[in-house]
Structure formats: structure tokens, C-alpha cells
């Protein structure tokens, strides 16, 4: 299943002034995993979304967990 995003992970990352490498390191994941998340090819896990919310200091779960209809 492909996932769509109202406000994309990339937009959150850019707003936080982070590179893919920096965000991947902060999440303790490979950069290739982050690329798959940003392209919508792989859904984020709840654990990682909680970490994203902590890093970005905002609620992102609703934006990142919308399955494509």
C-alpha cells in the first residue's frame, strides 16, 4: 500500500533545517530508509513517528499516516 501525506516528511525536515543525513542519524536509521519514507514507498513506524514529533516539537502523526484510498 502506498501512503500519501498532507504535509510531507520532507517538508517537516526542511522546516527543521535538517539534511536527510542529519535526520536519519537522529532517528537511528539508514538514509535509504528515510528516502523511502519521504517518497511514500515505506510507511513510518509509530515508534519513529513519536521520535519525529519529539524532534520537530509538533504533532506529525495525522499528516504521515494517511493511507492512499
N, C-alpha and C. Protein backbone atom coordinates (compact mmCIF):
# COMPACT_ATOMS: atom_id res chain seq x y z
N UNK A 1 0.85 -1.18 0.00
CA UNK A 1 0.00 0.00 0.00
C UNK A 1 0.89 1.23 0.00
N UNK A 2 0.59 2.16 -0.87
CA UNK A 2 1.33 3.42 -0.91
C UNK A 2 0.66 4.42 0.03
N UNK A 3 1.46 5.27 0.64
CA UNK A 3 0.94 6.24 1.58
C UNK A 3 1.05 7.65 1.00
N UNK A 4 -0.02 8.42 1.19
CA UNK A 4 0.01 9.82 0.81
C UNK A 4 0.19 10.66 2.08
N UNK A 5 0.65 11.85 1.90
CA UNK A 5 0.91 12.70 3.06
C UNK A 5 0.39 14.10 2.79
N UNK A 6 -0.40 14.63 3.73
CA UNK A 6 -0.89 16.00 3.60
C UNK A 6 0.27 16.99 3.69
N UNK A 7 1.10 16.79 4.66
CA UNK A 7 2.29 17.61 4.86
C UNK A 7 3.43 16.61 4.94
N UNK A 8 4.34 16.65 4.02
CA UNK A 8 5.30 15.57 3.88
C UNK A 8 6.43 15.61 4.90
N UNK A 9 6.98 14.44 5.09
CA UNK A 9 8.13 14.32 5.97
C UNK A 9 9.26 15.24 5.49
N UNK A 10 9.44 15.32 4.18
CA UNK A 10 10.48 16.20 3.66
C UNK A 10 10.21 17.65 4.06
N UNK A 11 8.96 18.08 4.00
CA UNK A 11 8.63 19.45 4.40
C UNK A 11 8.96 19.69 5.87
N UNK A 12 8.63 18.74 6.73
CA UNK A 12 9.00 18.86 8.14
C UNK A 12 10.50 18.95 8.30
N UNK A 13 11.23 18.09 7.56
CA UNK A 13 12.69 18.08 7.67
C UNK A 13 13.28 19.41 7.21
N UNK A 14 12.79 19.93 6.10
CA UNK A 14 13.29 21.20 5.58
C UNK A 14 12.99 22.34 6.54
N UNK A 15 11.78 22.34 7.10
CA UNK A 15 11.43 23.38 8.08
C UNK A 15 12.34 23.34 9.30
N UNK A 16 12.80 22.13 9.64
CA UNK A 16 13.72 21.96 10.77
C UNK A 16 15.16 22.24 10.37
N UNK A 17 15.38 22.60 9.09
CA UNK A 17 16.71 22.89 8.57
C UNK A 17 17.66 21.71 8.77
N UNK A 18 17.17 20.52 8.41
CA UNK A 18 17.97 19.30 8.55
C UNK A 18 18.17 18.66 7.19
N UNK A 19 19.32 18.03 7.01
CA UNK A 19 19.57 17.24 5.81
C UNK A 19 19.00 15.84 6.04
N UNK A 20 18.89 15.07 4.96
CA UNK A 20 18.46 13.68 5.12
C UNK A 20 19.42 12.93 6.03
N UNK A 21 20.68 13.18 5.85
CA UNK A 21 21.70 12.51 6.66
C UNK A 21 21.52 12.84 8.14
N UNK A 22 21.29 14.10 8.46
CA UNK A 22 21.12 14.51 9.86
C UNK A 22 19.87 13.88 10.47
N UNK A 23 18.77 13.87 9.73
CA UNK A 23 17.53 13.30 10.27
C UNK A 23 17.65 11.79 10.42
N UNK A 24 18.25 11.13 9.44
CA UNK A 24 18.44 9.68 9.54
C UNK A 24 19.28 9.35 10.77
N UNK A 25 20.31 10.11 11.01
CA UNK A 25 21.16 9.88 12.18
C UNK A 25 20.37 10.11 13.48
N UNK A 26 19.57 11.16 13.52
CA UNK A 26 18.77 11.46 14.72
C UNK A 26 17.75 10.36 14.99
N UNK A 27 17.26 9.71 13.93
CA UNK A 27 16.27 8.64 14.08
C UNK A 27 16.92 7.27 14.20
N UNK A 28 18.23 7.21 14.07
CA UNK A 28 18.98 5.96 14.12
C UNK A 28 18.50 4.98 13.04
N UNK A 29 18.42 5.49 11.81
CA UNK A 29 18.03 4.69 10.66
C UNK A 29 18.99 4.96 9.51
N UNK A 30 18.96 4.09 8.50
CA UNK A 30 19.75 4.33 7.29
C UNK A 30 19.12 5.45 6.49
N UNK A 31 19.95 6.19 5.78
CA UNK A 31 19.45 7.26 4.95
C UNK A 31 18.52 6.71 3.86
N UNK A 32 18.77 5.48 3.39
CA UNK A 32 17.91 4.88 2.37
C UNK A 32 16.49 4.65 2.90
N UNK A 33 16.36 4.36 4.18
CA UNK A 33 15.04 4.21 4.79
C UNK A 33 14.32 5.55 4.81
N UNK A 34 15.04 6.60 5.14
CA UNK A 34 14.44 7.93 5.15
C UNK A 34 13.99 8.34 3.74
N UNK A 35 14.79 8.02 2.75
CA UNK A 35 14.43 8.32 1.36
C UNK A 35 13.13 7.59 1.00
N UNK A 36 13.00 6.34 1.40
CA UNK A 36 11.77 5.57 1.14
C UNK A 36 10.58 6.19 1.86
N UNK A 37 10.77 6.66 3.08
CA UNK A 37 9.69 7.34 3.81
C UNK A 37 9.28 8.61 3.08
N UNK A 38 10.26 9.41 2.69
CA UNK A 38 9.96 10.69 2.05
C UNK A 38 9.27 10.51 0.70
N UNK A 39 9.54 9.41 0.02
CA UNK A 39 8.92 9.16 -1.28
C UNK A 39 7.56 8.46 -1.15
N UNK A 40 7.20 8.06 0.06
CA UNK A 40 5.92 7.38 0.28
C UNK A 40 5.95 5.90 -0.04
N UNK A 41 7.13 5.35 -0.29
CA UNK A 41 7.24 3.93 -0.62
C UNK A 41 7.22 3.04 0.62
N UNK A 42 7.46 3.61 1.78
CA UNK A 42 7.52 2.84 3.02
C UNK A 42 6.87 3.66 4.12
N UNK A 43 5.91 3.07 4.85
CA UNK A 43 5.28 3.83 5.94
C UNK A 43 6.21 3.93 7.15
N UNK A 44 6.06 4.99 7.90
CA UNK A 44 6.83 5.15 9.13
C UNK A 44 6.20 4.30 10.23
N UNK A 45 7.03 3.86 11.17
CA UNK A 45 6.51 3.12 12.32
C UNK A 45 6.04 4.11 13.38
N UNK A 46 5.15 3.65 14.25
CA UNK A 46 4.68 4.52 15.32
C UNK A 46 5.82 4.99 16.20
N UNK A 47 6.78 4.12 16.45
CA UNK A 47 7.93 4.48 17.28
C UNK A 47 8.71 5.63 16.64
N UNK A 48 8.93 5.54 15.35
CA UNK A 48 9.67 6.59 14.65
C UNK A 48 8.85 7.88 14.57
N UNK A 49 7.55 7.75 14.40
CA UNK A 49 6.70 8.96 14.35
C UNK A 49 6.75 9.68 15.69
N UNK A 50 6.76 8.93 16.77
CA UNK A 50 6.88 9.56 18.10
C UNK A 50 8.20 10.31 18.20
N UNK A 51 9.26 9.74 17.66
CA UNK A 51 10.57 10.41 17.66
C UNK A 51 10.54 11.65 16.78
N UNK A 52 9.87 11.56 15.61
CA UNK A 52 9.73 12.73 14.74
C UNK A 52 9.01 13.86 15.45
N UNK A 53 7.93 13.51 16.16
CA UNK A 53 7.18 14.53 16.89
C UNK A 53 8.06 15.19 17.94
N UNK A 54 8.88 14.40 18.58
CA UNK A 54 9.80 14.94 19.58
C UNK A 54 10.84 15.85 18.93
N UNK A 55 11.43 15.40 17.83
CA UNK A 55 12.45 16.19 17.14
C UNK A 55 11.90 17.50 16.58
N UNK A 56 10.72 17.43 15.97
CA UNK A 56 10.14 18.61 15.34
C UNK A 56 9.28 19.43 16.30
N UNK A 57 9.07 18.93 17.49
CA UNK A 57 8.27 19.60 18.51
C UNK A 57 6.87 19.97 17.98
N UNK A 58 6.25 19.01 17.30
CA UNK A 58 4.90 19.21 16.78
C UNK A 58 4.26 17.86 16.51
N UNK A 59 2.96 17.87 16.35
CA UNK A 59 2.22 16.64 16.06
C UNK A 59 2.29 16.38 14.56
N UNK A 60 2.89 15.24 14.19
CA UNK A 60 3.02 14.91 12.78
C UNK A 60 2.27 13.63 12.40
N UNK A 61 1.81 12.87 13.37
CA UNK A 61 1.21 11.56 13.09
C UNK A 61 0.04 11.64 12.12
N UNK A 62 -0.85 12.58 12.29
CA UNK A 62 -2.01 12.67 11.41
C UNK A 62 -1.60 12.93 9.96
N UNK A 63 -0.55 13.69 9.76
CA UNK A 63 -0.09 14.01 8.41
C UNK A 63 0.63 12.83 7.76
N UNK A 64 1.31 12.02 8.55
CA UNK A 64 2.17 10.99 8.00
C UNK A 64 1.53 9.61 7.91
N UNK A 65 0.34 9.44 8.43
CA UNK A 65 -0.27 8.11 8.48
C UNK A 65 -1.54 7.98 7.66
N UNK A 66 -1.68 8.73 6.58
CA UNK A 66 -2.88 8.66 5.76
C UNK A 66 -2.69 7.65 4.63
N UNK A 67 -3.34 6.47 4.70
CA UNK A 67 -3.20 5.53 3.57
C UNK A 67 -3.91 6.06 2.34
N UNK A 68 -3.34 5.78 1.20
CA UNK A 68 -3.94 6.21 -0.06
C UNK A 68 -5.22 5.43 -0.29
N UNK A 69 -6.26 6.11 -0.71
CA UNK A 69 -7.56 5.46 -0.93
C UNK A 69 -7.71 5.05 -2.36
